[in-house]
Amino acid sequence: MSYERATDDLDRVLGDVLGAAAEARTSPPPPDEESEGHDPDRTVRAVVSPDGRITSVEIGPRAARLSSQEIAERAVAAVNAALDGLSARAPAVAATADLTARLREAQDLSVRQLTEYTESLRDSINALGRS
């Protein structure tokens, strides 16, 4: 196998991996991927859509014994828990973007190194041929 072909093959493989990572990063989340949250006592349940909108709030029967202030506090806790569930997914997207950047850097570096290696071998072979 020639060194040029090895360089091309490595570039192709790394390019395929880079393309897969970029595709994973740009894939939209499924529309039914909602996040659900509860207050600590599970009296109030809130659901938020992927875009951060509150889609439902359910108040359980145990809330009848609570004051309106306590119900409001529990509703806030449930909505915040649901929003935390959405933001917990964000690092995965950021990690994928970081992976894509690292793969691009590795691809560029590998191609440069193999090119330099190939040139060095070619120079050595030419020097041997002249002697």
N, C-alpha and C. Protein backbone atom coordinates (compact mmCIF):
# COMPACT_ATOMS: atom_id res chain seq x y z
N MET A 1 0.85 -1.18 0.00
CA MET A 1 0.00 0.00 0.00
C MET A 1 0.89 1.24 0.00
N SER A 2 0.58 2.18 -0.85
CA SER A 2 1.39 3.39 -0.92
C SER A 2 1.05 4.30 0.25
N TYR A 3 2.01 5.19 0.59
CA TYR A 3 1.78 6.11 1.70
C TYR A 3 0.69 7.12 1.36
N GLU A 4 0.61 7.50 0.08
CA GLU A 4 -0.46 8.42 -0.33
C GLU A 4 -1.83 7.78 -0.10
N ARG A 5 -1.92 6.50 -0.45
CA ARG A 5 -3.20 5.80 -0.25
C ARG A 5 -3.52 5.67 1.24
N ALA A 6 -2.51 5.39 2.06
CA ALA A 6 -2.72 5.29 3.50
C ALA A 6 -3.22 6.62 4.05
N THR A 7 -2.63 7.70 3.57
CA THR A 7 -3.08 9.03 4.00
C THR A 7 -4.51 9.27 3.58
N ASP A 8 -4.85 8.92 2.34
CA ASP A 8 -6.22 9.11 1.85
C ASP A 8 -7.20 8.25 2.64
N ASP A 9 -6.82 7.00 2.94
CA ASP A 9 -7.70 6.11 3.70
C ASP A 9 -7.95 6.65 5.11
N LEU A 10 -6.90 7.10 5.77
CA LEU A 10 -7.05 7.65 7.11
C LEU A 10 -7.92 8.90 7.07
N ASP A 11 -7.69 9.74 6.09
CA ASP A 11 -8.50 10.95 5.95
C ASP A 11 -9.97 10.59 5.73
N ARG A 12 -10.23 9.57 4.92
CA ARG A 12 -11.60 9.14 4.66
C ARG A 12 -12.28 8.60 5.92
N VAL A 13 -11.55 7.75 6.66
CA VAL A 13 -12.11 7.17 7.88
C VAL A 13 -12.41 8.25 8.91
N LEU A 14 -11.45 9.11 9.13
CA LEU A 14 -11.68 10.19 10.09
C LEU A 14 -12.80 11.12 9.62
N GLY A 15 -12.88 11.33 8.32
CA GLY A 15 -13.96 12.15 7.77
C GLY A 15 -15.32 11.52 8.00
N ASP A 16 -15.40 10.20 7.85
CA ASP A 16 -16.66 9.49 8.12
C ASP A 16 -17.08 9.63 9.58
N VAL A 17 -16.12 9.47 10.49
CA VAL A 17 -16.41 9.61 11.92
C VAL A 17 -16.85 11.03 12.23
N LEU A 18 -16.16 11.98 11.66
CA LEU A 18 -16.50 13.39 11.86
C LEU A 18 -17.91 13.68 11.34
N GLY A 19 -18.23 13.13 10.18
CA GLY A 19 -19.57 13.33 9.62
C GLY A 19 -20.65 12.74 10.50
N ALA A 20 -20.40 11.56 11.07
CA ALA A 20 -21.37 10.93 11.95
C ALA A 20 -21.59 11.75 13.21
N ALA A 21 -20.52 12.28 13.76
CA ALA A 21 -20.64 13.12 14.96
C ALA A 21 -21.40 14.40 14.65
N ALA A 22 -21.13 15.01 13.51
CA ALA A 22 -21.83 16.24 13.13
C ALA A 22 -23.31 15.96 12.90
N GLU A 23 -23.62 14.83 12.29
CA GLU A 23 -25.02 14.46 12.05
C GLU A 23 -25.76 14.25 13.36
N ALA A 24 -25.09 13.60 14.32
CA ALA A 24 -25.71 13.38 15.63
C ALA A 24 -25.97 14.70 16.32
N ARG A 25 -25.08 15.66 16.15
CA ARG A 25 -25.25 16.95 16.81
C ARG A 25 -26.41 17.74 16.21
N THR A 26 -26.62 17.63 14.91
CA THR A 26 -27.65 18.44 14.27
C THR A 26 -29.00 17.75 14.20
N SER A 27 -29.09 16.50 14.65
CA SER A 27 -30.37 15.80 14.63
C SER A 27 -31.31 16.44 15.63
N PRO A 28 -32.52 16.82 15.19
CA PRO A 28 -33.45 17.43 16.13
C PRO A 28 -33.98 16.39 17.12
N PRO A 29 -34.25 16.81 18.35
CA PRO A 29 -34.79 15.85 19.31
C PRO A 29 -36.20 15.44 18.91
N PRO A 30 -36.59 14.23 19.25
CA PRO A 30 -37.95 13.80 18.92
C PRO A 30 -38.96 14.75 19.57
N PRO A 31 -40.07 15.05 18.87
CA PRO A 31 -41.01 16.03 19.39
C PRO A 31 -41.69 15.60 20.69
N ASP A 32 -41.72 14.33 21.00
CA ASP A 32 -42.41 13.88 22.21
C ASP A 32 -41.48 13.79 23.42
N GLU A 33 -40.31 14.36 23.31
CA GLU A 33 -39.34 14.30 24.40
C GLU A 33 -39.59 15.41 25.40
N GLU A 34 -40.61 15.22 26.23
CA GLU A 34 -40.93 16.21 27.25
C GLU A 34 -40.18 15.87 28.53
N SER A 35 -40.12 16.82 29.43
CA SER A 35 -39.48 16.60 30.72
C SER A 35 -40.52 16.78 31.81
N GLU A 36 -40.47 15.90 32.78
CA GLU A 36 -41.44 15.91 33.87
C GLU A 36 -40.73 16.19 35.18
N GLY A 37 -41.40 16.95 36.05
CA GLY A 37 -40.82 17.23 37.36
C GLY A 37 -41.90 17.23 38.43
N HIS A 38 -41.47 16.98 39.65
CA HIS A 38 -42.38 16.93 40.80
C HIS A 38 -41.79 17.77 41.92
N ASP A 39 -42.66 18.19 42.84
CA ASP A 39 -42.15 18.78 44.06
C ASP A 39 -41.64 17.63 44.93
N PRO A 40 -40.90 17.90 46.00
CA PRO A 40 -40.32 16.82 46.80
C PRO A 40 -41.36 15.80 47.33
N ASP A 41 -42.56 16.25 47.64
CA ASP A 41 -43.59 15.34 48.17
C ASP A 41 -44.45 14.73 47.06
N ARG A 42 -44.17 15.07 45.82
CA ARG A 42 -44.90 14.59 44.66
C ARG A 42 -46.39 14.96 44.71
N THR A 43 -46.66 16.13 45.27
CA THR A 43 -48.02 16.64 45.30
C THR A 43 -48.37 17.33 43.99
N VAL A 44 -47.38 17.99 43.41
CA VAL A 44 -47.57 18.72 42.15
C VAL A 44 -46.64 18.11 41.10
N ARG A 45 -47.19 17.91 39.91
CA ARG A 45 -46.43 17.38 38.77
C ARG A 45 -46.51 18.40 37.65
N ALA A 46 -45.35 18.69 37.02
CA ALA A 46 -45.31 19.63 35.89
C ALA A 46 -44.61 18.96 34.72
N VAL A 47 -45.07 19.28 33.52
CA VAL A 47 -44.45 18.76 32.30
C VAL A 47 -44.12 19.95 31.41
N VAL A 48 -42.88 19.94 30.88
CA VAL A 48 -42.47 21.00 29.96
C VAL A 48 -42.06 20.37 28.63
N SER A 49 -42.30 21.12 27.56
CA SER A 49 -41.96 20.66 26.22
C SER A 49 -40.48 20.90 25.97
N PRO A 50 -39.93 20.32 24.89
CA PRO A 50 -38.50 20.52 24.58
C PRO A 50 -38.12 21.99 24.40
N ASP A 51 -39.08 22.84 24.02
CA ASP A 51 -38.75 24.26 23.86
C ASP A 51 -38.89 25.04 25.15
N GLY A 52 -39.19 24.36 26.29
CA GLY A 52 -39.24 25.02 27.59
C GLY A 52 -40.61 25.54 27.99
N ARG A 53 -41.63 25.27 27.20
CA ARG A 53 -42.98 25.72 27.56
C ARG A 53 -43.63 24.71 28.49
N ILE A 54 -44.37 25.22 29.47
CA ILE A 54 -45.10 24.35 30.39
C ILE A 54 -46.30 23.79 29.64
N THR A 55 -46.38 22.46 29.56
CA THR A 55 -47.49 21.84 28.84
C THR A 55 -48.59 21.37 29.79
N SER A 56 -48.23 21.05 31.04
CA SER A 56 -49.28 20.69 32.00
C SER A 56 -48.75 20.81 33.42
N VAL A 57 -49.70 21.09 34.32
CA VAL A 57 -49.44 21.11 35.76
C VAL A 57 -50.59 20.36 36.40
N GLU A 58 -50.26 19.34 37.18
CA GLU A 58 -51.29 18.56 37.88
C GLU A 58 -51.10 18.72 39.38
N ILE A 59 -52.16 19.03 40.05
CA ILE A 59 -52.12 19.19 41.50
C ILE A 59 -52.90 18.03 42.11
N GLY A 60 -52.21 17.24 42.94
CA GLY A 60 -52.81 16.06 43.54
C GLY A 60 -53.79 16.38 44.65
N PRO A 61 -54.61 15.40 45.05
CA PRO A 61 -55.64 15.61 46.07
C PRO A 61 -55.08 16.02 47.44
N ARG A 62 -53.85 15.64 47.73
CA ARG A 62 -53.26 16.03 49.04
C ARG A 62 -53.07 17.53 49.15
N ALA A 63 -53.11 18.23 48.02
CA ALA A 63 -52.92 19.68 48.04
C ALA A 63 -54.11 20.39 48.68
N ALA A 64 -55.26 19.71 48.84
CA ALA A 64 -56.44 20.34 49.44
C ALA A 64 -56.16 20.79 50.87
N ARG A 65 -55.20 20.16 51.53
CA ARG A 65 -54.88 20.53 52.91
C ARG A 65 -53.86 21.65 52.99
N LEU A 66 -53.35 22.08 51.86
CA LEU A 66 -52.30 23.09 51.84
C LEU A 66 -52.87 24.48 51.57
N SER A 67 -52.11 25.49 52.00
CA SER A 67 -52.49 26.87 51.69
C SER A 67 -52.14 27.16 50.23
N SER A 68 -52.69 28.24 49.70
CA SER A 68 -52.39 28.60 48.31
C SER A 68 -50.90 28.92 48.16
N GLN A 69 -50.27 29.50 49.17
CA GLN A 69 -48.84 29.80 49.14
C GLN A 69 -48.02 28.50 49.03
N GLU A 70 -48.40 27.47 49.81
CA GLU A 70 -47.69 26.19 49.77
C GLU A 70 -47.87 25.50 48.41
N ILE A 71 -49.07 25.60 47.85
CA ILE A 71 -49.32 25.00 46.53
C ILE A 71 -48.47 25.72 45.48
N ALA A 72 -48.41 27.04 45.56
CA ALA A 72 -47.61 27.81 44.61
C ALA A 72 -46.14 27.43 44.72
N GLU A 73 -45.63 27.28 45.94
CA GLU A 73 -44.22 26.91 46.13
C GLU A 73 -43.95 25.52 45.55
N ARG A 74 -44.88 24.61 45.74
CA ARG A 74 -44.71 23.26 45.20
C ARG A 74 -44.79 23.26 43.67
N ALA A 75 -45.65 24.12 43.12
CA ALA A 75 -45.75 24.23 41.66
C ALA A 75 -44.44 24.76 41.08
N VAL A 76 -43.89 25.76 41.75
CA VAL A 76 -42.60 26.30 41.29
C VAL A 76 -41.52 25.22 41.35
N ALA A 77 -41.50 24.44 42.43
CA ALA A 77 -40.50 23.37 42.55
C ALA A 77 -40.68 22.32 41.45
N ALA A 78 -41.93 21.98 41.13
CA ALA A 78 -42.19 20.97 40.10
C ALA A 78 -41.76 21.48 38.72
N VAL A 79 -42.10 22.74 38.41
CA VAL A 79 -41.72 23.31 37.11
C VAL A 79 -40.20 23.41 37.01
N ASN A 80 -39.54 23.85 38.09
CA ASN A 80 -38.08 23.94 38.05
C ASN A 80 -37.44 22.57 37.88
N ALA A 81 -38.00 21.55 38.51
CA ALA A 81 -37.47 20.19 38.34
C ALA A 81 -37.62 19.73 36.89
N ALA A 82 -38.75 20.05 36.27
CA ALA A 82 -38.96 19.68 34.87
C ALA A 82 -37.98 20.42 33.96
N LEU A 83 -37.77 21.71 34.24
CA LEU A 83 -36.81 22.48 33.45
C LEU A 83 -35.39 21.97 33.66
N ASP A 84 -35.07 21.55 34.89
CA ASP A 84 -33.75 20.96 35.14
C ASP A 84 -33.55 19.70 34.31
N GLY A 85 -34.63 18.94 34.12
CA GLY A 85 -34.56 17.75 33.28
C GLY A 85 -34.21 18.09 31.84
N LEU A 86 -34.75 19.20 31.35
CA LEU A 86 -34.40 19.64 29.99
C LEU A 86 -32.95 20.07 29.91
N SER A 87 -32.52 20.86 30.88
CA SER A 87 -31.15 21.37 30.83
C SER A 87 -30.13 20.27 31.06
N ALA A 88 -30.54 19.17 31.68
CA ALA A 88 -29.62 18.04 31.87
C ALA A 88 -29.26 17.42 30.53
N ARG A 89 -30.11 17.60 29.53
CA ARG A 89 -29.82 17.06 28.19
C ARG A 89 -28.85 17.96 27.43
N ALA A 90 -28.78 19.22 27.79
CA ALA A 90 -27.92 20.18 27.07
C ALA A 90 -26.45 19.79 27.09
N PRO A 91 -25.88 19.29 28.21
CA PRO A 91 -24.47 18.92 28.16
C PRO A 91 -24.17 17.85 27.11
N ALA A 92 -25.11 16.97 26.83
CA ALA A 92 -24.88 15.94 25.81
C ALA A 92 -24.70 16.60 24.44
N VAL A 93 -25.48 17.62 24.17
CA VAL A 93 -25.34 18.34 22.90
C VAL A 93 -24.00 19.06 22.86
N ALA A 94 -23.63 19.69 23.96
CA ALA A 94 -22.35 20.39 24.02
C ALA A 94 -21.20 19.40 23.89
N ALA A 95 -21.34 18.24 24.51
CA ALA A 95 -20.29 17.22 24.42
C ALA A 95 -20.13 16.74 22.98
N THR A 96 -21.23 16.61 22.26
CA THR A 96 -21.16 16.18 20.87
C THR A 96 -20.47 17.25 20.03
N ALA A 97 -20.77 18.52 20.30
CA ALA A 97 -20.11 19.60 19.56
C ALA A 97 -18.61 19.59 19.85
N ASP A 98 -18.25 19.35 21.11
CA ASP A 98 -16.84 19.27 21.47
C ASP A 98 -16.18 18.09 20.77
N LEU A 99 -16.87 16.96 20.73
CA LEU A 99 -16.35 15.78 20.05
C LEU A 99 -16.10 16.08 18.57
N THR A 100 -17.03 16.76 17.94
CA THR A 100 -16.88 17.10 16.53
C THR A 100 -15.64 17.97 16.33
N ALA A 101 -15.45 18.95 17.19
CA ALA A 101 -14.28 19.83 17.07
C ALA A 101 -12.98 19.05 17.28
N ARG A 102 -12.99 18.16 18.26
CA ARG A 102 -11.79 17.37 18.53
C ARG A 102 -11.48 16.42 17.37
N LEU A 103 -12.51 15.82 16.81
CA LEU A 103 -12.29 14.92 15.68
C LEU A 103 -11.75 15.67 14.47
N ARG A 104 -12.27 16.87 14.24
CA ARG A 104 -11.75 17.67 13.12
C ARG A 104 -10.27 17.98 13.34
N GLU A 105 -9.93 18.34 14.56
CA GLU A 105 -8.54 18.64 14.89
C GLU A 105 -7.66 17.40 14.71
N ALA A 106 -8.16 16.25 15.17
CA ALA A 106 -7.39 15.00 15.01
C ALA A 106 -7.22 14.64 13.55
N GLN A 107 -8.27 14.87 12.77
CA GLN A 107 -8.20 14.58 11.34
C GLN A 107 -7.13 15.44 10.68
N ASP A 108 -7.16 16.73 10.94
CA ASP A 108 -6.18 17.64 10.35
C ASP A 108 -4.76 17.28 10.78
N LEU A 109 -4.58 17.00 12.05
CA LEU A 109 -3.27 16.67 12.57
C LEU A 109 -2.75 15.37 11.98
N SER A 110 -3.61 14.36 11.91
CA SER A 110 -3.18 13.07 11.37
C SER A 110 -2.76 13.18 9.92
N VAL A 111 -3.52 13.92 9.15
CA VAL A 111 -3.17 14.09 7.73
C VAL A 111 -1.85 14.83 7.60
N ARG A 112 -1.65 15.87 8.39
CA ARG A 112 -0.38 16.60 8.35
C ARG A 112 0.79 15.69 8.71
N GLN A 113 0.61 14.91 9.79
CA GLN A 113 1.69 14.03 10.22
C GLN A 113 2.02 12.96 9.18
N LEU A 114 0.99 12.36 8.62
CA LEU A 114 1.24 11.34 7.59
C LEU A 114 1.87 11.94 6.34
N THR A 115 1.48 13.14 6.00
CA THR A 115 2.08 13.80 4.85
C THR A 115 3.56 14.06 5.10
N GLU A 116 3.86 14.55 6.30
CA GLU A 116 5.27 14.80 6.64
C GLU A 116 6.06 13.49 6.65
N TYR A 117 5.46 12.45 7.20
CA TYR A 117 6.11 11.14 7.25
C TYR A 117 6.37 10.63 5.83
N THR A 118 5.38 10.76 4.96
CA THR A 118 5.52 10.32 3.58
C THR A 118 6.63 11.08 2.87
N GLU A 119 6.67 12.40 3.07
CA GLU A 119 7.71 13.21 2.45
C GLU A 119 9.09 12.82 2.96
N SER A 120 9.17 12.53 4.26
CA SER A 120 10.44 12.12 4.84
C SER A 120 10.92 10.80 4.25
N LEU A 121 10.01 9.85 4.13
CA LEU A 121 10.37 8.56 3.52
C LEU A 121 10.77 8.74 2.07
N ARG A 122 10.04 9.57 1.34
CA ARG A 122 10.35 9.81 -0.06
C ARG A 122 11.75 10.43 -0.18
N ASP A 123 12.06 11.40 0.69
CA ASP A 123 13.39 12.02 0.66
C ASP A 123 14.48 11.00 0.98
N SER A 124 14.20 10.12 1.94
CA SER A 124 15.19 9.09 2.30
C SER A 124 15.41 8.12 1.15
N ILE A 125 14.34 7.71 0.51
CA ILE A 125 14.46 6.78 -0.63
C ILE A 125 15.21 7.46 -1.78
N ASN A 126 14.90 8.72 -2.05
CA ASN A 126 15.60 9.45 -3.11
C ASN A 126 17.09 9.60 -2.78
N ALA A 127 17.41 9.84 -1.52
CA ALA A 127 18.80 9.99 -1.11
C ALA A 127 19.54 8.67 -1.27
N LEU A 128 18.88 7.57 -0.94
CA LEU A 128 19.50 6.24 -1.12
C LEU A 128 19.69 5.94 -2.60
N GLY A 129 18.76 6.34 -3.43
CA GLY A 129 18.86 6.10 -4.86
C GLY A 129 19.99 6.87 -5.50
N ARG A 130 20.34 8.01 -4.95
CA ARG A 130 21.42 8.83 -5.49
C ARG A 130 22.79 8.36 -5.04
N SER A 131 22.84 7.61 -3.96
CA SER A 131 24.17 7.22 -3.48
C SER A 131 24.67 5.92 -4.08
